[in-house]
Structures are given as C-alpha cells and as structure tokens.
C-alpha atoms as a PDB file:
ATOM      1  CA  MET A   1      31.529  27.364 -91.460  1.00  0.00           C
ATOM      2  CA  MET A   2      33.701  29.762 -89.618  1.00  0.00           C
ATOM      3  CA  GLY A   3      34.131  29.298 -85.843  1.00  0.00           C
ATOM      4  CA  TRP A   4      34.460  31.963 -83.221  1.00  0.00           C
ATOM      5  CA  MET A   5      37.760  33.895 -83.273  1.00  0.00           C
ATOM      6  CA  ALA A   6      39.179  36.129 -80.602  1.00  0.00           C
ATOM      7  CA  PRO A   7      39.524  39.811 -81.484  1.00  0.00           C
ATOM      8  CA  LEU A   8      42.812  40.666 -83.147  1.00  0.00           C
ATOM      9  CA  ARG A   9      44.003  42.821 -80.252  1.00  0.00           C
ATOM     10  CA  HIS A  10      43.967  39.747 -78.009  1.00  0.00           C
ATOM     11  CA  LEU A  11      45.844  37.634 -80.513  1.00  0.00           C
ATOM     12  CA  SER A  12      48.518  40.245 -81.019  1.00  0.00           C
ATOM     13  CA  ALA A  13      48.905  40.721 -77.281  1.00  0.00           C
ATOM     14  CA  LYS A  14      49.593  37.030 -76.954  1.00  0.00           C
ATOM     15  CA  LEU A  15      52.185  37.152 -79.718  1.00  0.00           C
ATOM     16  CA  LEU A  16      54.008  40.138 -78.236  1.00  0.00           C
ATOM     17  CA  SER A  17      54.540  38.565 -74.826  1.00  0.00           C
ATOM     18  CA  ASP A  18      57.150  36.038 -75.917  1.00  0.00           C
ATOM     19  CA  ARG A  19      59.741  36.873 -73.260  1.00  0.00           C
ATOM     20  CA  ASN A  20      59.589  35.662 -69.685  1.00  0.00           C
ATOM     21  CA  SER A  21      58.933  38.681 -67.457  1.00  0.00           C
ATOM     22  CA  SER A  22      60.824  37.225 -64.478  1.00  0.00           C
ATOM     23  CA  GLU A  23      64.048  36.917 -66.516  1.00  0.00           C
ATOM     24  CA  TRP A  24      63.750  40.239 -68.362  1.00  0.00           C
ATOM     25  CA  GLU A  25      65.818  43.158 -67.081  1.00  0.00           C
ATOM     26  CA  PRO A  26      65.387  46.680 -68.422  1.00  0.00           C
ATOM     27  CA  SER A  27      68.153  48.070 -70.524  1.00  0.00           C
ATOM     28  CA  MET A  28      70.623  49.634 -68.141  1.00  0.00           C
ATOM     29  CA  GLY A  29      70.767  52.676 -70.407  1.00  0.00           C
ATOM     30  CA  GLU A  30      67.044  53.320 -69.907  1.00  0.00           C
ATOM     31  CA  VAL A  31      67.115  54.035 -66.157  1.00  0.00           C
ATOM     32  CA  THR A  32      67.818  57.690 -65.294  1.00  0.00           C
ATOM     33  CA  THR A  33      66.366  58.003 -61.780  1.00  0.00           C
ATOM     34  CA  ILE A  34      66.092  55.424 -59.016  1.00  0.00           C
ATOM     35  CA  GLY A  35      64.247  55.470 -55.706  1.00  0.00           C
ATOM     36  CA  LEU A  36      65.764  53.063 -53.186  1.00  0.00           C
ATOM     37  CA  ASP A  37      63.796  52.145 -50.070  1.00  0.00           C
ATOM     38  CA  LEU A  38      66.178  50.850 -47.409  1.00  0.00           C
ATOM     39  CA  ALA A  39      65.270  48.067 -44.978  1.00  0.00           C
ATOM     40  CA  LYS A  40      66.966  45.453 -42.832  1.00  0.00           C
ATOM     41  CA  HIS A  41      67.025  42.608 -45.345  1.00  0.00           C
ATOM     42  CA  VAL A  42      65.066  43.348 -48.546  1.00  0.00           C
ATOM     43  CA  PHE A  43      65.476  46.681 -50.350  1.00  0.00           C
ATOM     44  CA  GLN A  44      62.946  47.908 -52.897  1.00  0.00           C
ATOM     45  CA  VAL A  45      64.146  49.608 -56.114  1.00  0.00           C
ATOM     46  CA  HIS A  46      61.947  51.757 -58.373  1.00  0.00           C
ATOM     47  CA  GLY A  47      63.459  53.174 -61.572  1.00  0.00           C
ATOM     48  CA  VAL A  48      62.145  55.537 -64.225  1.00  0.00           C
ATOM     49  CA  ASP A  49      63.445  56.673 -67.603  1.00  0.00           C
ATOM     50  CA  ALA A  50      63.904  60.226 -68.888  1.00  0.00           C
ATOM     51  CA  GLU A  51      60.183  60.555 -69.722  1.00  0.00           C
ATOM     52  CA  GLY A  52      59.142  59.432 -66.227  1.00  0.00           C
ATOM     53  CA  ALA A  53      57.832  56.025 -67.266  1.00  0.00           C
ATOM     54  CA  THR A  54      58.474  53.155 -64.873  1.00  0.00           C
ATOM     55  CA  VAL A  55      61.073  50.765 -66.277  1.00  0.00           C
ATOM     56  CA  LEU A  56      62.237  48.996 -63.123  1.00  0.00           C
ATOM     57  CA  ARG A  57      60.592  47.544 -60.020  1.00  0.00           C
ATOM     58  CA  LYS A  58      62.746  45.122 -58.141  1.00  0.00           C
ATOM     59  CA  GLN A  59      63.421  43.682 -54.707  1.00  0.00           C
ATOM     60  CA  LEU A  60      67.053  43.244 -53.738  1.00  0.00           C
ATOM     61  CA  ARG A  61      68.624  41.473 -50.798  1.00  0.00           C
ATOM     62  CA  ARG A  62      71.302  43.393 -48.901  1.00  0.00           C
ATOM     63  CA  ALA A  63      74.094  41.363 -50.526  1.00  0.00           C
ATOM     64  CA  GLN A  64      72.744  42.094 -54.043  1.00  0.00           C
ATOM     65  CA  VAL A  65      72.540  45.897 -53.798  1.00  0.00           C
ATOM     66  CA  LEU A  66      76.152  46.787 -54.616  1.00  0.00           C
ATOM     67  CA  ALA A  67      76.355  44.279 -57.464  1.00  0.00           C
ATOM     68  CA  PHE A  68      73.139  45.667 -58.974  1.00  0.00           C
ATOM     69  CA  PHE A  69      74.246  49.307 -58.822  1.00  0.00           C
ATOM     70  CA  SER A  70      77.722  48.480 -60.145  1.00  0.00           C
ATOM     71  CA  ARG A  71      76.094  47.321 -63.419  1.00  0.00           C
ATOM     72  CA  LEU A  72      74.042  50.501 -63.835  1.00  0.00           C
ATOM     73  CA  PRO A  73      75.393  53.536 -65.671  1.00  0.00           C
ATOM     74  CA  PRO A  74      75.626  56.625 -63.422  1.00  0.00           C
ATOM     75  CA  CYS A  75      72.171  57.937 -62.576  1.00  0.00           C
ATOM     76  CA  LEU A  76      70.303  59.876 -59.900  1.00  0.00           C
ATOM     77  CA  VAL A  77      69.561  57.784 -56.796  1.00  0.00           C
ATOM     78  CA  GLY A  78      67.188  58.995 -54.088  1.00  0.00           C
ATOM     79  CA  LEU A  79      67.184  57.657 -50.513  1.00  0.00           C
ATOM     80  CA  GLU A  80      65.252  58.511 -47.376  1.00  0.00           C
ATOM     81  CA  ALA A  81      67.686  59.990 -44.871  1.00  0.00           C
ATOM     82  CA  CYS A  82      68.287  57.579 -42.005  1.00  0.00           C
ATOM     83  CA  ALA A  83      71.257  56.153 -40.153  1.00  0.00           C
ATOM     84  CA  THR A  84      72.261  53.693 -42.877  1.00  0.00           C
ATOM     85  CA  ALA A  85      71.447  56.000 -45.799  1.00  0.00           C
ATOM     86  CA  HIS A  86      74.783  57.771 -45.351  1.00  0.00           C
ATOM     87  CA  TYR A  87      76.655  54.458 -45.680  1.00  0.00           C
ATOM     88  CA  TRP A  88      74.706  53.461 -48.795  1.00  0.00           C
ATOM     89  CA  GLY A  89      75.122  56.961 -50.200  1.00  0.00           C
ATOM     90  CA  ARG A  90      78.915  56.715 -49.911  1.00  0.00           C
ATOM     91  CA  GLU A  91      78.914  53.239 -51.477  1.00  0.00           C
ATOM     92  CA  LEU A  92      76.722  54.297 -54.422  1.00  0.00           C
ATOM     93  CA  ARG A  93      78.772  57.454 -55.014  1.00  0.00           C
ATOM     94  CA  ALA A  94      81.823  55.215 -55.411  1.00  0.00           C
ATOM     95  CA  PHE A  95      80.106  53.783 -58.526  1.00  0.00           C
ATOM     96  CA  GLY A  96      79.572  57.284 -59.938  1.00  0.00           C
ATOM     97  CA  HIS A  97      75.896  57.695 -59.070  1.00  0.00           C
ATOM     98  CA  GLU A  98      74.521  61.037 -57.902  1.00  0.00           C
ATOM     99  CA  VAL A  99      73.016  60.315 -54.480  1.00  0.00           C
ATOM    100  CA  ARG A 100      70.457  62.579 -52.802  1.00  0.00           C
ATOM    101  CA  LEU A 101      69.096  62.014 -49.317  1.00  0.00           C
ATOM    102  CA  MET A 102      65.687  63.394 -48.339  1.00  0.00           C
ATOM    103  CA  PRO A 103      64.006  63.593 -44.937  1.00  0.00           C
ATOM    104  CA  ALA A 104      61.255  60.973 -44.626  1.00  0.00           C
ATOM    105  CA  ARG A 105      58.606  63.551 -43.750  1.00  0.00           C
ATOM    106  CA  TYR A 106      59.138  65.265 -47.138  1.00  0.00           C
ATOM    107  CA  VAL A 107      58.852  61.980 -49.030  1.00  0.00           C
ATOM    108  CA  LYS A 108      55.637  60.965 -47.275  1.00  0.00           C
ATOM    109  CA  ALA A 109      53.618  63.495 -49.286  1.00  0.00           C
ATOM    110  CA  TYR A 110      54.384  61.615 -52.519  1.00  0.00           C
ATOM    111  CA  ILE A 111      53.007  58.219 -51.440  1.00  0.00           C
ATOM    112  CA  LYS A 112      49.987  57.573 -53.673  1.00  0.00           C
ATOM    113  CA  ARG A 113      48.471  54.515 -52.050  1.00  0.00           C
ATOM    114  CA  ASN A 114      48.992  52.178 -49.084  1.00  0.00           C
ATOM    115  CA  LYS A 115      52.302  52.395 -47.285  1.00  0.00           C
ATOM    116  CA  HIS A 116      54.550  49.492 -48.215  1.00  0.00           C
ATOM    117  CA  ASP A 117      58.097  49.216 -49.511  1.00  0.00           C
ATOM    118  CA  ALA A 118      57.230  49.373 -53.218  1.00  0.00           C
ATOM    119  CA  ALA A 119      55.078  52.484 -52.728  1.00  0.00           C
ATOM    120  CA  ASP A 120      57.833  54.071 -50.633  1.00  0.00           C
ATOM    121  CA  ALA A 121      60.434  53.453 -53.343  1.00  0.00           C
ATOM    122  CA  GLU A 122      58.107  54.964 -55.959  1.00  0.00           C
ATOM    123  CA  ALA A 123      57.498  58.016 -53.765  1.00  0.00           C
ATOM    124  CA  ILE A 124      61.253  58.456 -53.206  1.00  0.00           C
ATOM    125  CA  CYS A 125      61.832  58.250 -56.952  1.00  0.00           C
ATOM    126  CA  GLU A 126      59.218  60.923 -57.606  1.00  0.00           C
ATOM    127  CA  ALA A 127      60.326  63.188 -54.762  1.00  0.00           C
ATOM    128  CA  VAL A 128      64.003  63.191 -55.747  1.00  0.00           C
ATOM    129  CA  GLU A 129      63.143  64.787 -59.105  1.00  0.00           C
ATOM    130  CA  ARG A 130      61.250  67.729 -57.588  1.00  0.00           C
ATOM    131  CA  PRO A 131      63.097  71.044 -58.019  1.00  0.00           C
ATOM    132  CA  THR A 132      61.969  72.422 -54.635  1.00  0.00           C
ATOM    133  CA  MET A 133      62.919  69.339 -52.602  1.00  0.00           C
ATOM    134  CA  ARG A 134      65.337  69.875 -49.721  1.00  0.00           C
ATOM    135  CA  PHE A 135      68.183  67.413 -49.492  1.00  0.00           C
ATOM    136  CA  VAL A 136      70.448  66.214 -46.695  1.00  0.00           C
ATOM    137  CA  PRO A 137      74.189  66.042 -47.463  1.00  0.00           C
ATOM    138  CA  VAL A 138      75.775  62.584 -47.307  1.00  0.00           C
ATOM    139  CA  LYS A 139      78.083  62.381 -44.295  1.00  0.00           C
ATOM    140  CA  THR A 140      81.655  61.195 -44.682  1.00  0.00           C
ATOM    141  CA  CYS A 141      82.707  58.085 -42.782  1.00  0.00           C
ATOM    142  CA  CYS A 142      84.439  60.199 -40.138  1.00  0.00           C
ATOM    143  CA  ALA A 143      81.519  62.576 -39.713  1.00  0.00           C
ATOM    144  CA  ALA A 144      79.099  59.673 -39.296  1.00  0.00           C
ATOM    145  CA  ALA A 145      81.183  58.006 -36.560  1.00  0.00           C
ATOM    146  CA  PRO A 146      79.984  58.701 -33.027  1.00  0.00           C
ATOM    147  CA  TRP A 147      82.297  60.601 -30.719  1.00  0.00           C
ATOM    148  CA  PRO A 148      82.254  60.794 -26.928  1.00  0.00           C
ATOM    149  CA  GLY A 149      79.432  63.030 -25.822  1.00  0.00           C
ATOM    150  CA  ALA A 150      77.397  62.686 -29.021  1.00  0.00           C
ATOM    151  CA  ALA A 151      73.645  62.646 -28.668  1.00  0.00           C
ATOM    152  CA  GLY A 152      72.632  59.073 -27.987  1.00  0.00           C
ATOM    153  CA  ALA A 153      76.186  57.888 -27.327  1.00  0.00           C
ATOM    154  CA  PRO A 154      76.477  55.987 -24.035  1.00  0.00           C
ATOM    155  CA  ALA A 155      79.413  58.007 -22.728  1.00  0.00           C
ATOM    156  CA  TYR A 156      78.371  59.081 -19.242  1.00  0.00           C
ATOM    157  CA  GLY A 157      76.432  56.339 -17.483  1.00  0.00           C
ATOM    158  CA  SER A 158      74.402  56.766 -14.301  1.00  0.00           C
ATOM    159  CA  GLY A 159      76.400  59.684 -12.861  1.00  0.00           C
ATOM    160  CA  GLU A 160      75.288  62.011 -15.673  1.00  0.00           C
ATOM    161  CA  ARG A 161      72.870  63.975 -13.468  1.00  0.00           C
ATOM    162  CA  PHE A 162      75.654  64.897 -11.052  1.00  0.00           C
ATOM    163  CA  ALA A 163      78.054  65.539 -13.947  1.00  0.00           C
ATOM    164  CA  ARG A 164      75.658  68.000 -15.551  1.00  0.00           C
ATOM    165  CA  ALA A 165      75.468  69.979 -12.343  1.00  0.00           C
ATOM    166  CA  SER A 166      79.237  70.188 -12.171  1.00  0.00           C
ATOM    167  CA  GLY A 167      79.683  71.123 -15.836  1.00  0.00           C
ATOM    168  CA  ARG A 168      81.697  68.016 -16.747  1.00  0.00           C
ATOM    169  CA  VAL A 169      79.339  67.113 -19.602  1.00  0.00           C
ATOM    170  CA  ARG A 170      79.878  70.474 -21.265  1.00  0.00           C
ATOM    171  CA  ARG A 171      83.664  70.087 -21.087  1.00  0.00           C
ATOM    172  CA  ASP A 172      83.514  66.475 -22.346  1.00  0.00           C
ATOM    173  CA  ARG A 173      81.303  67.413 -25.272  1.00  0.00           C
ATOM    174  CA  ALA A 174      83.699  70.194 -26.242  1.00  0.00           C
ATOM    175  CA  ALA A 175      86.609  67.735 -26.046  1.00  0.00           C
ATOM    176  CA  GLY A 176      84.679  65.206 -28.162  1.00  0.00           C
ATOM    177  CA  LEU A 177      83.952  67.871 -30.763  1.00  0.00           C
ATOM    178  CA  ALA A 178      87.643  68.755 -30.897  1.00  0.00           C
ATOM    179  CA  GLN A 179      88.521  65.065 -31.389  1.00  0.00           C
ATOM    180  CA  ARG A 180      85.965  64.824 -34.199  1.00  0.00           C
ATOM    181  CA  ARG A 181      87.355  67.884 -35.961  1.00  0.00           C
ATOM    182  CA  GLN A 182      90.858  66.423 -35.675  1.00  0.00           C
ATOM    183  CA  ALA A 183      89.628  63.109 -37.192  1.00  0.00           C
ATOM    184  CA  ASP A 184      87.847  64.948 -40.027  1.00  0.00           C
ATOM    185  CA  ARG A 185      91.135  66.480 -41.125  1.00  0.00           C
ATOM    186  CA  HIS A 186      92.558  62.994 -41.752  1.00  0.00           C
ATOM    187  CA  CYS A 187      89.449  61.448 -43.310  1.00  0.00           C
ATOM    188  CA  PRO A 188      89.508  61.010 -47.106  1.00  0.00           C
ATOM    189  CA  ARG A 189      86.604  62.896 -48.671  1.00  0.00           C
END
C-alpha cells in the first residue's frame, strides 16, 4: 500500500533551499543599482540587477556602510537629498560608485506601500533609474561647510533686527560669500 506523498513541486522546493538565507549574500557582480535610505543609526539598502529584479535587501549600521560599499563593484547609488547625503555621496564616490541625489518629494511618488525604511530604499532605487528624474549635485566638502551669514547659521544673535535695519547683515553675508569662494579655490574636488 502506498501512503500519501506530497506533490513533487513541494519536494523540489525543499531540496532547493539548502543554503541558509541569513548567511547568503548576492553576488557582488549582480547588483547594478542601489537605493540607500539614510537614517541616524540603521540604513536600509535595496539593490537590483540589470533586469530590475531585486537581489539585495539589507539593513546596515552606520559603521558598516563604508565597508559594505567598498566590497561592491562600481554601480549606480541613489540617495534622498538631505544634509548628510552630500557626505555619504562623497564617501561612496571615493569607491568609484556613481552617486545621484534626488529631492525627497520626487522620490515619494515611487513608494508602493506603507512608508518605512525598506519601502523608501526601494522607491529610491526605482526613482534613480528614471530618465526624467531631476538630480541634485553632490556638494564638495568646502561647499557644504557653513559660512558666516549662511541661512540657519547662528552668526548674528539677538541684535539681528537692528542689524538688518542698518544693512550690516547684507555686508556680512557678502563677506561670508567672498570667504566661501576663497575657500572653494583651495578645496580638492
């Protein structure tokens, strides 16, 4: 008498899953485009191959990001433009990656489901491949540094209202811009 047997598709599925999924890393040659969602402590990475199939979903701690991208062959990396995106863009370009920054409001249209870090990274990865996407240039270290009189820089204190009336703010901003231009001449590109 023959007992009950599972359908062959179930048996073969069991046989094909012999590797531990937590230890398996995709072949570094497979990844062509990466979406990187930046955060304070845990970054989310979403990678696709040339056909657009997902080959990488990973969480990285801040200390692991540079080591991870140093092992990858040069590829296209998309980031949402924010204050720290320029720093990470410069660091990833040092490894030979092509880095593109996009305004967050343009990326938001590509989120398919609930907003969380993994969905954001997937949306960034999809948006960076669009031919009509507008990108933000990565600032150099000198261009990203605040100068006296920059918007948001605490340069004037409580006497700013009186200083505006006297025109001092305008002169100080012009002087700060001149200092920035002078620093940009000496900054390595």
